[in-house]
Each structure stands twice: as C-alpha cells, then as structure tokens.
Amino acid sequence: MHLDRYKLLSQESLIVFEFISIGHKGSVTKIIQYAPTEIKNIYNLGFGDKDIKTGLIDDLSITDNGDSQKVLATVAFSVYLFTEAYPGASVYAIGSTKARTRLYRIGITNQLEAIEKDFKVYGLINSIWRKFKKDINYEAFLVQRKKL
C-alpha cells in the first residue's frame, strides 16, 4: 500500500511505534502497540493518543485532527512492519468503541484489494471468524500475513 502516512519511530523490537499527527488541532503524539494475547502468535493492536502524564495509550481520546486517513494508513503500515519482523504473528484489532470499530471496517473496506495482496483478512461475528467481506458489521478483525 502506498498511501500518504506519517513517519514511524520504533525501537528494534518493532512492538511499540510512535508518530506525530499534524492537523488543525496541532501536533498530537500517537502510539501503536502490539501486545501478545493468551493465544499463541496472536497480538492485539493497541492504538491511541499518548497520554502526556503517563506516556501510555489513551484509546478513548478523540483528536479530530482532520487527518484520519493518514493516521489509519500509518497504523496499517505498522502492521506491515510488525508482521515482517514477526512472520508467524496474526494481528487482532477491535475499536475501543463501536464507532471506532466501524471506522476500522471502513478503512479495511476502502483498501481491501491492496490489503489482500499481502494479508488474509477476517472479521468476527458471534464468536466466529469469517473471511472479511464488505458491508458487514464485524465485532473485531484479524489479519494474517501471507507467506513472504
């Protein structure tokens, strides 16, 4: 995918990424973090604003900086970097709210053809993972990198 995105900063582990969203509300530091789940090789994608006081992810903040497409493209690019470094990993994502989960679905839908060149994409409905299809409201998403 060759979308306009922000420059990512990360340590060698490629587990935590930071970038700065620049928009009409100013500069806001964002964090992307991949955390292992209780299921082997499945990592939860955490994302949000960096809390100034704690340095942790605030996944409930609403930045509304006017750059959501560039932000989503940056997060998507981090998935490429993460799964390149950890080829057996699958990435699980769910929005912190229903509206955010819907935003993720729209983002996947808009780039589905490009994403499917490199990833298998699944959506969760009633505790069952199904191949991602457009225009279906999913509860969560899972991507698996196709063999490099």
C-alpha atoms as a PDB file:
ATOM      1  CA  MET A   1       0.000   0.000   0.000  1.00  0.00           C
ATOM      2  CA  HIS A   2       1.341   3.366  -0.963  1.00  0.00           C
ATOM      3  CA  LEU A   3      -0.783   5.816   0.974  1.00  0.00           C
ATOM      4  CA  ASP A   4       0.274   9.104   2.496  1.00  0.00           C
ATOM      5  CA  ARG A   5       1.396   8.342   6.048  1.00  0.00           C
ATOM      6  CA  TYR A   6       3.397   9.704   8.949  1.00  0.00           C
ATOM      7  CA  LYS A   7       6.955   8.722   9.788  1.00  0.00           C
ATOM      8  CA  LEU A   8       7.028   5.967  12.413  1.00  0.00           C
ATOM      9  CA  LEU A   9       9.533   5.781  15.236  1.00  0.00           C
ATOM     10  CA  SER A  10      10.222   2.470  16.963  1.00  0.00           C
ATOM     11  CA  GLN A  11      12.836   0.514  18.824  1.00  0.00           C
ATOM     12  CA  GLU A  12      14.404  -2.514  17.156  1.00  0.00           C
ATOM     13  CA  SER A  13      11.749  -4.840  18.576  1.00  0.00           C
ATOM     14  CA  LEU A  14       9.037  -3.188  16.421  1.00  0.00           C
ATOM     15  CA  ILE A  15       6.498  -3.801  19.208  1.00  0.00           C
ATOM     16  CA  VAL A  16       5.761  -0.135  20.006  1.00  0.00           C
ATOM     17  CA  PHE A  17       5.609   2.668  17.451  1.00  0.00           C
ATOM     18  CA  GLU A  18       5.120   6.400  17.840  1.00  0.00           C
ATOM     19  CA  PHE A  19       4.269   9.089  15.346  1.00  0.00           C
ATOM     20  CA  ILE A  20       3.004  12.646  15.376  1.00  0.00           C
ATOM     21  CA  SER A  21      -0.386  13.527  13.906  1.00  0.00           C
ATOM     22  CA  ILE A  22      -0.315  17.043  12.489  1.00  0.00           C
ATOM     23  CA  GLY A  23      -3.609  18.756  11.776  1.00  0.00           C
ATOM     24  CA  HIS A  24      -5.874  21.655  12.528  1.00  0.00           C
ATOM     25  CA  LYS A  25      -5.742  20.879  16.276  1.00  0.00           C
ATOM     26  CA  GLY A  26      -1.938  20.911  16.331  1.00  0.00           C
ATOM     27  CA  SER A  27       0.584  18.120  16.850  1.00  0.00           C
ATOM     28  CA  VAL A  28      -0.528  15.020  18.751  1.00  0.00           C
ATOM     29  CA  THR A  29       1.730  12.075  19.561  1.00  0.00           C
ATOM     30  CA  LYS A  30       0.145   8.708  18.776  1.00  0.00           C
ATOM     31  CA  ILE A  31       1.181   5.255  19.980  1.00  0.00           C
ATOM     32  CA  ILE A  32       0.722   1.876  18.320  1.00  0.00           C
ATOM     33  CA  GLN A  33       1.499  -1.169  20.445  1.00  0.00           C
ATOM     34  CA  TYR A  34       1.402  -4.889  19.666  1.00  0.00           C
ATOM     35  CA  ALA A  35       0.709  -6.956  22.784  1.00  0.00           C
ATOM     36  CA  PRO A  36       0.671 -10.747  22.938  1.00  0.00           C
ATOM     37  CA  THR A  37      -2.671 -12.340  23.784  1.00  0.00           C
ATOM     38  CA  GLU A  38      -3.335 -15.596  25.597  1.00  0.00           C
ATOM     39  CA  ILE A  39      -3.437 -17.282  22.161  1.00  0.00           C
ATOM     40  CA  LYS A  40      -0.013 -18.109  20.745  1.00  0.00           C
ATOM     41  CA  ASN A  41       1.107 -15.840  17.870  1.00  0.00           C
ATOM     42  CA  ILE A  42      -1.916 -13.547  18.095  1.00  0.00           C
ATOM     43  CA  TYR A  43      -1.137  -9.955  19.019  1.00  0.00           C
ATOM     44  CA  ASN A  44      -3.562  -7.234  19.983  1.00  0.00           C
ATOM     45  CA  LEU A  45      -3.084  -3.958  18.151  1.00  0.00           C
ATOM     46  CA  GLY A  46      -3.464  -1.114  20.632  1.00  0.00           C
ATOM     47  CA  PHE A  47      -3.657   2.413  19.301  1.00  0.00           C
ATOM     48  CA  GLY A  48      -4.406   5.909  20.532  1.00  0.00           C
ATOM     49  CA  ASP A  49      -3.061   9.233  21.707  1.00  0.00           C
ATOM     50  CA  LYS A  50      -0.056   9.229  24.002  1.00  0.00           C
ATOM     51  CA  ASP A  51      -1.157  10.353  27.460  1.00  0.00           C
ATOM     52  CA  ILE A  52       1.130  13.249  28.360  1.00  0.00           C
ATOM     53  CA  LYS A  53       1.212  12.364  32.069  1.00  0.00           C
ATOM     54  CA  THR A  54       1.618   8.570  31.918  1.00  0.00           C
ATOM     55  CA  GLY A  55       3.149   8.007  28.491  1.00  0.00           C
ATOM     56  CA  LEU A  56       0.562   5.259  27.933  1.00  0.00           C
ATOM     57  CA  ILE A  57      -2.039   4.853  25.184  1.00  0.00           C
ATOM     58  CA  ASP A  58      -5.288   6.719  25.627  1.00  0.00           C
ATOM     59  CA  ASP A  59      -7.537   4.791  23.254  1.00  0.00           C
ATOM     60  CA  LEU A  60     -10.651   6.771  24.171  1.00  0.00           C
ATOM     61  CA  SER A  61      -9.415  10.248  23.292  1.00  0.00           C
ATOM     62  CA  ILE A  62     -10.887  11.961  20.249  1.00  0.00           C
ATOM     63  CA  THR A  63      -8.231  14.016  18.493  1.00  0.00           C
ATOM     64  CA  ASP A  64     -10.320  15.110  15.499  1.00  0.00           C
ATOM     65  CA  ASN A  65      -7.203  16.493  13.834  1.00  0.00           C
ATOM     66  CA  GLY A  66      -8.576  16.199  10.297  1.00  0.00           C
ATOM     67  CA  ASP A  67      -6.044  13.570   9.243  1.00  0.00           C
ATOM     68  CA  SER A  68      -7.821  10.282   9.985  1.00  0.00           C
ATOM     69  CA  GLN A  69      -6.960   8.706   6.624  1.00  0.00           C
ATOM     70  CA  LYS A  70      -3.262   9.468   7.074  1.00  0.00           C
ATOM     71  CA  VAL A  71      -3.402   8.165  10.660  1.00  0.00           C
ATOM     72  CA  LEU A  72      -5.084   4.909   9.567  1.00  0.00           C
ATOM     73  CA  ALA A  73      -2.544   4.497   6.752  1.00  0.00           C
ATOM     74  CA  THR A  74       0.243   4.913   9.314  1.00  0.00           C
ATOM     75  CA  VAL A  75      -1.274   2.289  11.601  1.00  0.00           C
ATOM     76  CA  ALA A  76      -1.697  -0.057   8.612  1.00  0.00           C
ATOM     77  CA  PHE A  77       1.943   0.445   7.653  1.00  0.00           C
ATOM     78  CA  SER A  78       2.975  -0.551  11.192  1.00  0.00           C
ATOM     79  CA  VAL A  79       1.116  -3.852  10.666  1.00  0.00           C
ATOM     80  CA  TYR A  80       3.316  -4.461   7.621  1.00  0.00           C
ATOM     81  CA  LEU A  81       6.472  -3.717   9.628  1.00  0.00           C
ATOM     82  CA  PHE A  82       5.354  -5.798  12.614  1.00  0.00           C
ATOM     83  CA  THR A  83       4.392  -8.869  10.576  1.00  0.00           C
ATOM     84  CA  GLU A  84       7.590  -8.613   8.576  1.00  0.00           C
ATOM     85  CA  ALA A  85       9.573  -8.766  11.824  1.00  0.00           C
ATOM     86  CA  TYR A  86       7.279 -11.470  13.296  1.00  0.00           C
ATOM     87  CA  PRO A  87       6.182 -13.535  10.282  1.00  0.00           C
ATOM     88  CA  GLY A  88       4.154 -16.056  12.311  1.00  0.00           C
ATOM     89  CA  ALA A  89       2.124 -13.366  14.042  1.00  0.00           C
ATOM     90  CA  SER A  90      -1.515 -12.563  13.432  1.00  0.00           C
ATOM     91  CA  VAL A  91      -2.848  -9.153  14.427  1.00  0.00           C
ATOM     92  CA  TYR A  92      -6.169  -8.747  16.242  1.00  0.00           C
ATOM     93  CA  ALA A  93      -7.864  -5.350  16.277  1.00  0.00           C
ATOM     94  CA  ILE A  94     -11.037  -4.014  17.821  1.00  0.00           C
ATOM     95  CA  GLY A  95     -12.046  -0.414  18.313  1.00  0.00           C
ATOM     96  CA  SER A  96     -12.345   0.962  21.835  1.00  0.00           C
ATOM     97  CA  THR A  97     -15.894   1.967  20.835  1.00  0.00           C
ATOM     98  CA  LYS A  98     -18.393   0.696  18.265  1.00  0.00           C
ATOM     99  CA  ALA A  99     -17.789   3.849  16.233  1.00  0.00           C
ATOM    100  CA  ARG A 100     -14.058   3.142  16.095  1.00  0.00           C
ATOM    101  CA  THR A 101     -14.629  -0.479  15.132  1.00  0.00           C
ATOM    102  CA  ARG A 102     -16.833   0.835  12.318  1.00  0.00           C
ATOM    103  CA  LEU A 103     -14.063   3.253  11.271  1.00  0.00           C
ATOM    104  CA  TYR A 104     -11.598   0.336  11.119  1.00  0.00           C
ATOM    105  CA  ARG A 105     -14.082  -1.650   8.993  1.00  0.00           C
ATOM    106  CA  ILE A 106     -14.432   1.278   6.599  1.00  0.00           C
ATOM    107  CA  GLY A 107     -10.650   1.643   6.387  1.00  0.00           C
ATOM    108  CA  ILE A 108     -10.211  -2.062   5.627  1.00  0.00           C
ATOM    109  CA  THR A 109     -13.048  -1.957   3.091  1.00  0.00           C
ATOM    110  CA  ASN A 110     -11.544   1.032   1.271  1.00  0.00           C
ATOM    111  CA  GLN A 111      -8.165  -0.683   0.926  1.00  0.00           C
ATOM    112  CA  LEU A 112      -9.286  -4.322   0.816  1.00  0.00           C
ATOM    113  CA  GLU A 113      -7.896  -5.105  -2.623  1.00  0.00           C
ATOM    114  CA  ALA A 114      -4.435  -3.822  -1.681  1.00  0.00           C
ATOM    115  CA  ILE A 115      -4.521  -5.415   1.785  1.00  0.00           C
ATOM    116  CA  GLU A 116      -5.480  -8.835   0.404  1.00  0.00           C
ATOM    117  CA  LYS A 117      -2.361  -8.902  -1.743  1.00  0.00           C
ATOM    118  CA  ASP A 118      -0.335  -9.381   1.448  1.00  0.00           C
ATOM    119  CA  PHE A 119      -2.802 -10.466   4.158  1.00  0.00           C
ATOM    120  CA  LYS A 120      -5.660 -12.826   4.864  1.00  0.00           C
ATOM    121  CA  VAL A 121      -8.377 -10.697   6.478  1.00  0.00           C
ATOM    122  CA  TYR A 122     -11.070 -11.971   8.834  1.00  0.00           C
ATOM    123  CA  GLY A 123     -13.985 -10.417  10.683  1.00  0.00           C
ATOM    124  CA  LEU A 124     -15.527 -11.674  13.917  1.00  0.00           C
ATOM    125  CA  ILE A 125     -19.292 -12.250  14.137  1.00  0.00           C
ATOM    126  CA  ASN A 126     -20.894 -14.092  17.077  1.00  0.00           C
ATOM    127  CA  SER A 127     -17.543 -15.588  18.163  1.00  0.00           C
ATOM    128  CA  ILE A 128     -16.841 -16.977  14.679  1.00  0.00           C
ATOM    129  CA  TRP A 129     -14.044 -15.725  12.429  1.00  0.00           C
ATOM    130  CA  ARG A 130     -15.142 -15.331   8.806  1.00  0.00           C
ATOM    131  CA  LYS A 131     -13.337 -14.172   5.684  1.00  0.00           C
ATOM    132  CA  PHE A 132     -13.759 -10.389   5.573  1.00  0.00           C
ATOM    133  CA  LYS A 133     -16.461  -9.153   3.219  1.00  0.00           C
ATOM    134  CA  LYS A 134     -17.555  -5.598   2.547  1.00  0.00           C
ATOM    135  CA  ASP A 135     -20.714  -4.164   4.100  1.00  0.00           C
ATOM    136  CA  ILE A 136     -20.800  -6.493   7.111  1.00  0.00           C
ATOM    137  CA  ASN A 137     -20.586  -5.131  10.651  1.00  0.00           C
ATOM    138  CA  TYR A 138     -17.870  -7.084  12.430  1.00  0.00           C
ATOM    139  CA  GLU A 139     -17.070  -7.099  16.130  1.00  0.00           C
ATOM    140  CA  ALA A 140     -13.293  -7.320  15.565  1.00  0.00           C
ATOM    141  CA  PHE A 141     -10.714  -8.023  12.870  1.00  0.00           C
ATOM    142  CA  LEU A 142      -7.791 -10.379  12.387  1.00  0.00           C
ATOM    143  CA  VAL A 143      -5.094 -10.224   9.738  1.00  0.00           C
ATOM    144  CA  GLN A 144      -2.519 -12.868   8.904  1.00  0.00           C
ATOM    145  CA  ARG A 145       0.422 -12.104   6.675  1.00  0.00           C
ATOM    146  CA  LYS A 146       0.624 -14.295   3.609  1.00  0.00           C
ATOM    147  CA  LYS A 147       3.969 -16.033   3.193  1.00  0.00           C
ATOM    148  CA  LEU A 148       6.712 -13.557   2.292  1.00  0.00           C
END
